[in-house]
Amino acid sequence: MTVPPADPRAPQRDALRRAVLTLIGGVIVFHTVVASIFYLTGIAHGPERVRWFFVIAWSIATAIVVMVLLRRVRAVRFANRRR
């Protein structure tokens, strides 16, 4: 027999914490990979036009990553309201 947690929202809070940490970790990993590409391929020291295109694409891709991961955070946060 399992004892219910003292706080009924504890499981939701744990899930929300995991979703937020996934959001933060995802952005950190994404930026680490893209910054590595930026510097290791020589784009950082390349023509200005190429740098601008890369930075614009990087910004758009970051926004997409955040939107996808933030959708998970919102799903967990508002899970009880949909029932």
Protein backbone atom coordinates (compact mmCIF):
# COMPACT_ATOMS: atom_id res chain seq x y z
CA MET A 1 0.00 0.00 0.00
CA THR A 2 1.39 3.40 -0.98
CA VAL A 3 0.85 6.52 1.03
CA PRO A 4 -0.31 9.54 -0.96
CA PRO A 5 2.03 12.53 -0.86
CA ALA A 6 1.28 15.23 1.69
CA ASP A 7 0.91 17.79 -1.08
CA PRO A 8 -1.44 16.67 -3.87
CA ARG A 9 0.31 18.94 -6.39
CA ALA A 10 3.79 17.53 -5.68
CA PRO A 11 3.81 15.27 -8.78
CA GLN A 12 2.79 18.18 -11.00
CA ARG A 13 5.48 20.38 -9.45
CA ASP A 14 8.10 17.69 -10.06
CA ALA A 15 7.00 17.33 -13.67
CA LEU A 16 7.07 21.11 -14.10
CA ARG A 17 10.58 21.27 -12.62
CA ARG A 18 11.76 18.57 -15.05
CA ALA A 19 10.16 20.39 -18.01
CA VAL A 20 11.80 23.70 -17.07
CA LEU A 21 15.18 22.02 -16.59
CA THR A 22 14.74 20.35 -19.98
CA LEU A 23 14.03 23.78 -21.50
CA ILE A 24 17.13 25.31 -19.95
CA GLY A 25 19.32 22.31 -20.76
CA GLY A 26 18.03 22.17 -24.33
CA VAL A 27 18.88 25.80 -24.96
CA ILE A 28 22.34 25.38 -23.39
CA VAL A 29 23.10 22.29 -25.48
CA PHE A 30 21.77 23.93 -28.63
CA HIS A 31 23.87 27.05 -28.14
CA THR A 32 26.95 24.99 -27.32
CA VAL A 33 26.61 23.03 -30.56
CA VAL A 34 25.88 26.07 -32.71
CA ALA A 35 28.66 28.17 -31.15
CA SER A 36 31.08 25.30 -31.77
CA ILE A 37 30.02 25.21 -35.41
CA PHE A 38 30.37 28.99 -35.61
CA TYR A 39 33.94 29.03 -34.34
CA LEU A 40 35.28 25.66 -35.52
CA THR A 41 34.21 26.15 -39.14
CA GLY A 42 35.74 29.62 -39.27
CA ILE A 43 32.48 31.49 -39.78
CA ALA A 44 33.47 33.82 -36.93
CA HIS A 45 36.37 35.08 -39.02
CA GLY A 46 34.69 34.80 -42.40
CA PRO A 47 32.94 37.39 -44.53
CA GLU A 48 30.52 39.67 -42.73
CA ARG A 49 27.58 38.64 -44.91
CA VAL A 50 28.05 34.96 -44.02
CA ARG A 51 28.31 35.82 -40.32
CA TRP A 52 25.06 37.78 -40.47
CA PHE A 53 23.20 34.97 -42.23
CA PHE A 54 24.50 32.47 -39.69
CA VAL A 55 23.55 34.65 -36.71
CA ILE A 56 20.07 35.28 -38.11
CA ALA A 57 19.55 31.56 -38.72
CA TRP A 58 20.89 30.86 -35.22
CA SER A 59 18.39 33.30 -33.72
CA ILE A 60 15.46 31.83 -35.63
CA ALA A 61 16.49 28.29 -34.70
CA THR A 62 16.80 29.32 -31.04
CA ALA A 63 13.28 30.73 -31.11
CA ILE A 64 11.98 27.47 -32.58
CA VAL A 65 13.77 25.37 -29.95
CA VAL A 66 12.38 27.55 -27.17
CA MET A 67 8.85 27.42 -28.59
CA VAL A 68 8.90 23.62 -28.78
CA LEU A 69 10.32 23.13 -25.30
CA LEU A 70 8.13 25.84 -23.77
CA ARG A 71 5.07 24.06 -25.16
CA ARG A 72 5.98 21.11 -22.92
CA VAL A 73 6.28 23.39 -19.89
CA ARG A 74 2.86 24.87 -20.60
CA ALA A 75 1.32 21.42 -21.10
CA VAL A 76 2.53 20.34 -17.67
CA ARG A 77 1.55 23.60 -16.02
CA PHE A 78 -2.00 23.61 -17.34
CA ALA A 79 -2.59 19.83 -17.21
CA ASN A 80 -5.20 20.08 -14.45
CA ARG A 81 -7.22 22.77 -16.20
CA ARG A 82 -7.87 20.58 -19.26
CA ARG A 83 -9.50 17.75 -17.32
